[in-house]
Amino acid sequence: MINILVLCTGNSCRSQIAHGYLDHFTDDKKVKVYSAGVETHGVNPKAIAIMQEDGIDISHHTSNNVEEYFDIPFDYVITVCDNAKERCPFFPTKAVKLHYNFPDPAKANGTDEEILEEFRQVREMIKKYIKNFIDKI
C-alpha cells in the first residue's frame, strides 16, 4: 500500500482537486490518498463543481488538519502551495516530499464565470501534474 498525503493551506481547493485526481488516476487498491491543510477551511463548492465538470465527484471529501495524520507512514507528501510547505509542522516520516506552488483559485476576482475559469485553469494544471506524478511511481 502506498500512502500519499496532499497538503495545502486550508484543504479546500488545490489539495482537494489533487486528491480527486490521485484517486481517479490510481483507481486500484494499492494507493491510499489523504489530503489535509495546516488549517481547515471546508471544501470549496467551486472546487466540487469544476471537478464534477471533469467527471470526478469530490463532494464527499472533508477538510482535514494535517495533525490528524501524524501516525500514518506516508510514502509521498505533496505540498501544493508555498504557505503549506513553509508552515507544515514536522512529523516523522521517510516520505518523499514533492512541491509545486499552484495559484489559489479561491483568491480569483471578477465575475462568477471569470472565477470559475480560474478554477478550471488551476484544475488543469493540477490534473497534468498529478498525471505526470502517477506515471512515474
N, C-alpha and C. Protein backbone atom coordinates (compact mmCIF):
# COMPACT_ATOMS: atom_id res chain seq x y z
N MET A 1 0.85 -1.19 0.00
CA MET A 1 0.00 0.00 0.00
C MET A 1 0.88 1.24 0.00
N ILE A 2 0.61 2.13 -0.92
CA ILE A 2 1.31 3.42 -0.99
C ILE A 2 0.40 4.47 -0.38
N ASN A 3 0.90 5.18 0.63
CA ASN A 3 0.15 6.25 1.28
C ASN A 3 0.66 7.59 0.77
N ILE A 4 -0.29 8.40 0.26
CA ILE A 4 0.05 9.71 -0.30
C ILE A 4 -0.75 10.78 0.44
N LEU A 5 -0.05 11.83 0.89
CA LEU A 5 -0.69 12.98 1.52
C LEU A 5 -0.51 14.19 0.62
N VAL A 6 -1.62 14.89 0.34
CA VAL A 6 -1.57 16.16 -0.39
C VAL A 6 -1.87 17.25 0.64
N LEU A 7 -0.99 18.22 0.70
CA LEU A 7 -1.08 19.23 1.74
C LEU A 7 -1.17 20.62 1.16
N CYS A 8 -2.10 21.41 1.70
CA CYS A 8 -2.31 22.79 1.26
C CYS A 8 -2.59 23.63 2.50
N THR A 9 -2.86 24.89 2.31
CA THR A 9 -3.13 25.76 3.45
C THR A 9 -4.42 25.37 4.16
N GLY A 10 -5.55 25.41 3.45
CA GLY A 10 -6.84 25.22 4.10
C GLY A 10 -7.57 23.95 3.72
N ASN A 11 -6.95 23.11 2.88
CA ASN A 11 -7.57 21.85 2.43
C ASN A 11 -8.97 22.10 1.88
N SER A 12 -9.07 23.16 1.05
CA SER A 12 -10.38 23.49 0.49
C SER A 12 -10.44 23.41 -1.03
N CYS A 13 -9.35 23.73 -1.72
CA CYS A 13 -9.38 23.75 -3.20
C CYS A 13 -8.29 22.89 -3.81
N ARG A 14 -7.06 23.41 -3.82
CA ARG A 14 -5.97 22.75 -4.55
C ARG A 14 -5.70 21.33 -4.07
N SER A 15 -5.63 21.13 -2.77
CA SER A 15 -5.37 19.78 -2.26
C SER A 15 -6.55 18.86 -2.52
N GLN A 16 -7.76 19.40 -2.49
CA GLN A 16 -8.95 18.59 -2.77
C GLN A 16 -8.98 18.16 -4.24
N ILE A 17 -8.61 19.08 -5.14
CA ILE A 17 -8.56 18.76 -6.56
C ILE A 17 -7.49 17.68 -6.80
N ALA A 18 -6.32 17.87 -6.21
CA ALA A 18 -5.24 16.89 -6.36
C ALA A 18 -5.66 15.53 -5.80
N HIS A 19 -6.32 15.54 -4.66
CA HIS A 19 -6.82 14.30 -4.05
C HIS A 19 -7.77 13.58 -5.01
N GLY A 20 -8.67 14.35 -5.61
CA GLY A 20 -9.61 13.75 -6.56
C GLY A 20 -8.91 13.10 -7.74
N TYR A 21 -7.91 13.77 -8.30
CA TYR A 21 -7.18 13.20 -9.44
C TYR A 21 -6.30 12.03 -9.02
N LEU A 22 -5.71 12.08 -7.84
CA LEU A 22 -4.93 10.94 -7.37
C LEU A 22 -5.82 9.71 -7.25
N ASP A 23 -7.00 9.88 -6.66
CA ASP A 23 -7.94 8.75 -6.57
C ASP A 23 -8.31 8.26 -7.98
N HIS A 24 -8.58 9.19 -8.87
CA HIS A 24 -9.02 8.85 -10.22
C HIS A 24 -7.93 8.10 -11.00
N PHE A 25 -6.71 8.60 -10.96
CA PHE A 25 -5.63 8.01 -11.75
C PHE A 25 -5.04 6.75 -11.13
N THR A 26 -5.32 6.48 -9.87
CA THR A 26 -4.79 5.27 -9.22
C THR A 26 -5.89 4.27 -8.93
N ASP A 27 -6.96 4.37 -9.58
CA ASP A 27 -8.17 3.58 -9.38
C ASP A 27 -7.90 2.11 -9.04
N ASP A 28 -7.10 1.86 -8.03
CA ASP A 28 -6.87 0.49 -7.55
C ASP A 28 -6.67 0.52 -6.04
N LYS A 29 -6.47 -0.62 -5.46
CA LYS A 29 -6.38 -0.73 -4.00
C LYS A 29 -4.96 -0.55 -3.48
N LYS A 30 -3.99 -0.26 -4.33
CA LYS A 30 -2.60 -0.18 -3.90
C LYS A 30 -2.21 1.22 -3.42
N VAL A 31 -3.10 2.18 -3.55
CA VAL A 31 -2.81 3.55 -3.16
C VAL A 31 -3.91 4.07 -2.24
N LYS A 32 -3.51 4.71 -1.15
CA LYS A 32 -4.45 5.37 -0.25
C LYS A 32 -4.08 6.84 -0.22
N VAL A 33 -5.05 7.69 -0.57
CA VAL A 33 -4.81 9.13 -0.68
C VAL A 33 -5.47 9.86 0.49
N TYR A 34 -4.73 10.79 1.03
CA TYR A 34 -5.21 11.66 2.10
C TYR A 34 -4.95 13.10 1.65
N SER A 35 -5.77 14.02 2.10
CA SER A 35 -5.46 15.42 1.89
C SER A 35 -5.72 16.16 3.19
N ALA A 36 -4.94 17.21 3.39
CA ALA A 36 -5.05 17.95 4.65
C ALA A 36 -4.56 19.37 4.43
N GLY A 37 -4.79 20.18 5.44
CA GLY A 37 -4.31 21.55 5.44
C GLY A 37 -3.63 21.86 6.75
N VAL A 38 -2.87 22.93 6.77
CA VAL A 38 -2.32 23.39 8.04
C VAL A 38 -3.42 24.12 8.82
N GLU A 39 -4.52 24.41 8.12
CA GLU A 39 -5.76 24.92 8.69
C GLU A 39 -6.87 24.15 7.98
N THR A 40 -8.11 24.30 8.42
CA THR A 40 -9.23 23.69 7.69
C THR A 40 -10.24 24.78 7.35
N HIS A 41 -10.57 24.86 6.06
CA HIS A 41 -11.50 25.89 5.58
C HIS A 41 -12.77 25.31 4.99
N GLY A 42 -12.93 23.99 5.00
CA GLY A 42 -14.07 23.36 4.35
C GLY A 42 -13.80 23.20 2.86
N VAL A 43 -14.46 22.27 2.24
CA VAL A 43 -14.27 22.03 0.81
C VAL A 43 -15.02 23.10 0.03
N ASN A 44 -14.31 23.78 -0.85
CA ASN A 44 -14.87 24.88 -1.62
C ASN A 44 -15.90 24.36 -2.63
N PRO A 45 -17.12 24.89 -2.64
CA PRO A 45 -18.15 24.43 -3.58
C PRO A 45 -17.74 24.59 -5.05
N LYS A 46 -16.94 25.59 -5.37
CA LYS A 46 -16.48 25.76 -6.75
C LYS A 46 -15.50 24.64 -7.14
N ALA A 47 -14.70 24.19 -6.20
CA ALA A 47 -13.80 23.05 -6.46
C ALA A 47 -14.63 21.80 -6.75
N ILE A 48 -15.67 21.60 -5.98
CA ILE A 48 -16.56 20.46 -6.21
C ILE A 48 -17.19 20.56 -7.60
N ALA A 49 -17.66 21.75 -7.95
CA ALA A 49 -18.34 21.95 -9.24
C ALA A 49 -17.41 21.72 -10.42
N ILE A 50 -16.19 22.26 -10.37
CA ILE A 50 -15.32 22.11 -11.54
C ILE A 50 -14.78 20.68 -11.65
N MET A 51 -14.70 19.97 -10.55
CA MET A 51 -14.29 18.57 -10.63
C MET A 51 -15.43 17.73 -11.21
N GLN A 52 -16.67 18.07 -10.87
CA GLN A 52 -17.82 17.37 -11.46
C GLN A 52 -17.86 17.57 -12.96
N GLU A 53 -17.44 18.76 -13.43
CA GLU A 53 -17.36 19.00 -14.87
C GLU A 53 -16.43 18.00 -15.55
N ASP A 54 -15.42 17.53 -14.83
CA ASP A 54 -14.46 16.57 -15.37
C ASP A 54 -14.80 15.13 -14.96
N GLY A 55 -16.01 14.94 -14.44
CA GLY A 55 -16.48 13.59 -14.12
C GLY A 55 -15.96 13.01 -12.82
N ILE A 56 -15.45 13.86 -11.93
CA ILE A 56 -14.91 13.38 -10.65
C ILE A 56 -15.70 14.00 -9.51
N ASP A 57 -16.21 13.15 -8.64
CA ASP A 57 -17.04 13.60 -7.51
C ASP A 57 -16.19 13.71 -6.25
N ILE A 58 -15.96 14.93 -5.79
CA ILE A 58 -15.26 15.13 -4.52
C ILE A 58 -16.20 15.70 -3.46
N SER A 59 -17.50 15.63 -3.70
CA SER A 59 -18.47 16.21 -2.78
C SER A 59 -18.47 15.51 -1.41
N HIS A 60 -17.95 14.30 -1.35
CA HIS A 60 -17.90 13.56 -0.08
C HIS A 60 -16.62 13.84 0.70
N HIS A 61 -15.68 14.60 0.11
CA HIS A 61 -14.42 14.90 0.80
C HIS A 61 -14.67 15.80 2.01
N THR A 62 -13.79 15.70 2.97
CA THR A 62 -13.84 16.56 4.14
C THR A 62 -12.55 17.36 4.22
N SER A 63 -12.60 18.47 4.91
CA SER A 63 -11.42 19.31 5.11
C SER A 63 -10.78 18.88 6.42
N ASN A 64 -9.53 18.38 6.33
CA ASN A 64 -8.86 17.82 7.50
C ASN A 64 -7.58 18.57 7.82
N ASN A 65 -7.20 18.53 9.10
CA ASN A 65 -5.97 19.14 9.55
C ASN A 65 -4.85 18.12 9.50
N VAL A 66 -3.66 18.54 9.09
CA VAL A 66 -2.53 17.63 8.94
C VAL A 66 -2.23 16.88 10.25
N GLU A 67 -2.52 17.50 11.39
CA GLU A 67 -2.24 16.85 12.67
C GLU A 67 -3.03 15.55 12.86
N GLU A 68 -4.12 15.38 12.11
CA GLU A 68 -4.91 14.15 12.19
C GLU A 68 -4.15 12.95 11.63
N TYR A 69 -3.10 13.20 10.85
CA TYR A 69 -2.44 12.14 10.10
C TYR A 69 -1.00 11.87 10.55
N PHE A 70 -0.61 12.36 11.72
CA PHE A 70 0.76 12.19 12.19
C PHE A 70 1.18 10.73 12.32
N ASP A 71 0.23 9.83 12.55
CA ASP A 71 0.59 8.43 12.79
C ASP A 71 0.59 7.57 11.52
N ILE A 72 0.37 8.17 10.37
CA ILE A 72 0.31 7.41 9.11
C ILE A 72 1.69 7.44 8.43
N PRO A 73 2.20 6.28 8.05
CA PRO A 73 3.51 6.24 7.38
C PRO A 73 3.39 6.59 5.89
N PHE A 74 3.51 7.86 5.58
CA PHE A 74 3.36 8.30 4.20
C PHE A 74 4.58 7.95 3.35
N ASP A 75 4.31 7.59 2.12
CA ASP A 75 5.37 7.34 1.15
C ASP A 75 5.68 8.62 0.37
N TYR A 76 4.65 9.44 0.17
CA TYR A 76 4.79 10.71 -0.54
C TYR A 76 3.99 11.77 0.18
N VAL A 77 4.57 12.96 0.30
CA VAL A 77 3.86 14.14 0.78
C VAL A 77 4.03 15.20 -0.30
N ILE A 78 2.89 15.63 -0.87
CA ILE A 78 2.91 16.61 -1.94
C ILE A 78 2.30 17.91 -1.41
N THR A 79 3.11 18.96 -1.34
CA THR A 79 2.57 20.26 -0.96
C THR A 79 2.21 20.99 -2.25
N VAL A 80 1.05 21.62 -2.26
CA VAL A 80 0.56 22.27 -3.48
C VAL A 80 0.48 23.79 -3.35
N CYS A 81 1.09 24.32 -2.29
CA CYS A 81 1.21 25.77 -2.15
C CYS A 81 2.40 26.08 -1.25
N ASP A 82 3.02 27.23 -1.47
CA ASP A 82 4.20 27.61 -0.69
C ASP A 82 3.87 27.75 0.79
N ASN A 83 2.70 28.30 1.10
CA ASN A 83 2.33 28.50 2.50
C ASN A 83 2.33 27.18 3.27
N ALA A 84 1.77 26.14 2.69
CA ALA A 84 1.74 24.85 3.37
C ALA A 84 3.15 24.28 3.52
N LYS A 85 3.97 24.44 2.50
CA LYS A 85 5.35 23.95 2.57
C LYS A 85 6.09 24.61 3.72
N GLU A 86 5.89 25.91 3.88
CA GLU A 86 6.59 26.66 4.92
C GLU A 86 6.00 26.42 6.31
N ARG A 87 4.70 26.21 6.40
CA ARG A 87 4.03 26.09 7.70
C ARG A 87 3.81 24.66 8.16
N CYS A 88 4.07 23.69 7.31
CA CYS A 88 3.81 22.30 7.68
C CYS A 88 4.64 21.92 8.89
N PRO A 89 3.98 21.46 9.94
CA PRO A 89 4.74 21.04 11.12
C PRO A 89 5.56 19.79 10.78
N PHE A 90 6.68 19.65 11.44
CA PHE A 90 7.49 18.45 11.22
C PHE A 90 6.75 17.26 11.80
N PHE A 91 6.71 16.19 11.04
CA PHE A 91 6.26 14.94 11.61
C PHE A 91 7.13 13.84 11.03
N PRO A 92 7.43 12.85 11.87
CA PRO A 92 8.38 11.83 11.45
C PRO A 92 7.85 11.03 10.26
N THR A 93 8.58 11.07 9.19
CA THR A 93 8.21 10.31 8.02
C THR A 93 9.42 10.16 7.13
N LYS A 94 9.47 9.08 6.43
CA LYS A 94 10.52 8.87 5.43
C LYS A 94 9.98 9.19 4.04
N ALA A 95 8.86 9.86 4.01
CA ALA A 95 8.17 10.16 2.75
C ALA A 95 9.03 11.00 1.82
N VAL A 96 8.87 10.74 0.54
CA VAL A 96 9.43 11.61 -0.48
C VAL A 96 8.57 12.86 -0.49
N LYS A 97 9.21 14.02 -0.37
CA LYS A 97 8.46 15.27 -0.34
C LYS A 97 8.57 15.96 -1.71
N LEU A 98 7.42 16.30 -2.25
CA LEU A 98 7.34 16.98 -3.54
C LEU A 98 6.59 18.29 -3.34
N HIS A 99 6.91 19.28 -4.17
CA HIS A 99 6.26 20.58 -4.01
C HIS A 99 6.01 21.24 -5.36
N TYR A 100 4.84 21.84 -5.48
CA TYR A 100 4.51 22.70 -6.61
C TYR A 100 3.56 23.76 -6.11
N ASN A 101 3.88 25.01 -6.36
CA ASN A 101 3.05 26.11 -5.88
C ASN A 101 2.01 26.48 -6.94
N PHE A 102 0.82 25.90 -6.82
CA PHE A 102 -0.27 26.22 -7.74
C PHE A 102 -0.95 27.51 -7.30
N PRO A 103 -1.45 28.32 -8.24
CA PRO A 103 -2.20 29.52 -7.87
C PRO A 103 -3.44 29.12 -7.06
N ASP A 104 -3.86 30.01 -6.18
CA ASP A 104 -5.04 29.75 -5.36
C ASP A 104 -6.28 30.29 -6.07
N PRO A 105 -7.11 29.41 -6.63
CA PRO A 105 -8.29 29.89 -7.35
C PRO A 105 -9.30 30.58 -6.44
N ALA A 106 -9.26 30.29 -5.15
CA ALA A 106 -10.20 30.92 -4.22
C ALA A 106 -9.93 32.42 -4.08
N LYS A 107 -8.77 32.86 -4.53
CA LYS A 107 -8.43 34.29 -4.45
C LYS A 107 -8.73 35.03 -5.75
N ALA A 108 -9.33 34.33 -6.71
CA ALA A 108 -9.65 34.94 -8.01
C ALA A 108 -10.72 36.02 -7.84
N ASN A 109 -10.62 37.05 -8.65
CA ASN A 109 -11.60 38.14 -8.67
C ASN A 109 -12.27 38.20 -10.02
N GLY A 110 -13.43 38.83 -10.06
CA GLY A 110 -14.14 39.02 -11.32
C GLY A 110 -15.56 38.50 -11.24
N THR A 111 -16.13 38.28 -12.41
CA THR A 111 -17.48 37.74 -12.47
C THR A 111 -17.46 36.28 -12.04
N ASP A 112 -18.64 35.73 -11.80
CA ASP A 112 -18.71 34.32 -11.44
C ASP A 112 -18.05 33.44 -12.50
N GLU A 113 -18.28 33.77 -13.77
CA GLU A 113 -17.69 32.98 -14.86
C GLU A 113 -16.18 33.13 -14.89
N GLU A 114 -15.67 34.33 -14.65
CA GLU A 114 -14.22 34.54 -14.62
C GLU A 114 -13.57 33.77 -13.47
N ILE A 115 -14.24 33.75 -12.35
CA ILE A 115 -13.72 32.99 -11.19
C ILE A 115 -13.73 31.50 -11.50
N LEU A 116 -14.83 31.01 -12.07
CA LEU A 116 -14.88 29.59 -12.45
C LEU A 116 -13.80 29.24 -13.47
N GLU A 117 -13.52 30.14 -14.37
CA GLU A 117 -12.47 29.90 -15.37
C GLU A 117 -11.11 29.78 -14.69
N GLU A 118 -10.87 30.58 -13.67
CA GLU A 118 -9.62 30.46 -12.90
C GLU A 118 -9.55 29.10 -12.22
N PHE A 119 -10.66 28.66 -11.64
CA PHE A 119 -10.71 27.32 -11.03
C PHE A 119 -10.40 26.25 -12.08
N ARG A 120 -10.97 26.40 -13.28
CA ARG A 120 -10.73 25.42 -14.34
C ARG A 120 -9.25 25.39 -14.76
N GLN A 121 -8.66 26.56 -14.86
CA GLN A 121 -7.24 26.62 -15.25
C GLN A 121 -6.36 25.94 -14.21
N VAL A 122 -6.62 26.21 -12.94
CA VAL A 122 -5.85 25.57 -11.88
C VAL A 122 -6.12 24.07 -11.87
N ARG A 123 -7.37 23.67 -12.09
CA ARG A 123 -7.71 22.24 -12.17
C ARG A 123 -6.86 21.56 -13.24
N GLU A 124 -6.76 22.17 -14.40
CA GLU A 124 -5.99 21.56 -15.49
C GLU A 124 -4.51 21.47 -15.16
N MET A 125 -3.98 22.48 -14.49
CA MET A 125 -2.58 22.44 -14.06
C MET A 125 -2.34 21.29 -13.09
N ILE A 126 -3.25 21.15 -12.12
CA ILE A 126 -3.12 20.09 -11.12
C ILE A 126 -3.29 18.73 -11.77
N LYS A 127 -4.26 18.61 -12.66
CA LYS A 127 -4.50 17.34 -13.36
C LYS A 127 -3.24 16.88 -14.08
N LYS A 128 -2.62 17.78 -14.81
CA LYS A 128 -1.40 17.45 -15.55
C LYS A 128 -0.27 17.04 -14.60
N TYR A 129 -0.11 17.79 -13.52
CA TYR A 129 0.94 17.50 -12.53
C TYR A 129 0.72 16.12 -11.90
N ILE A 130 -0.51 15.84 -11.48
CA ILE A 130 -0.82 14.57 -10.83
C ILE A 130 -0.68 13.40 -11.80
N LYS A 131 -1.12 13.57 -13.03
CA LYS A 131 -0.97 12.50 -14.03
C LYS A 131 0.51 12.19 -14.24
N ASN A 132 1.33 13.21 -14.36
CA ASN A 132 2.76 13.03 -14.52
C ASN A 132 3.37 12.32 -13.30
N PHE A 133 2.96 12.71 -12.10
CA PHE A 133 3.43 12.06 -10.87
C PHE A 133 3.07 10.58 -10.86
N ILE A 134 1.82 10.27 -11.16
CA ILE A 134 1.36 8.88 -11.14
C ILE A 134 2.10 8.05 -12.18
N ASP A 135 2.37 8.61 -13.33
CA ASP A 135 3.08 7.88 -14.38
C ASP A 135 4.51 7.51 -13.95
N LYS A 136 5.05 8.24 -12.97
CA LYS A 136 6.43 7.99 -12.53
C LYS A 136 6.55 7.07 -11.33
N ILE A 137 5.44 6.85 -10.61
CA ILE A 137 5.57 5.97 -9.42
C ILE A 137 5.21 4.53 -9.77
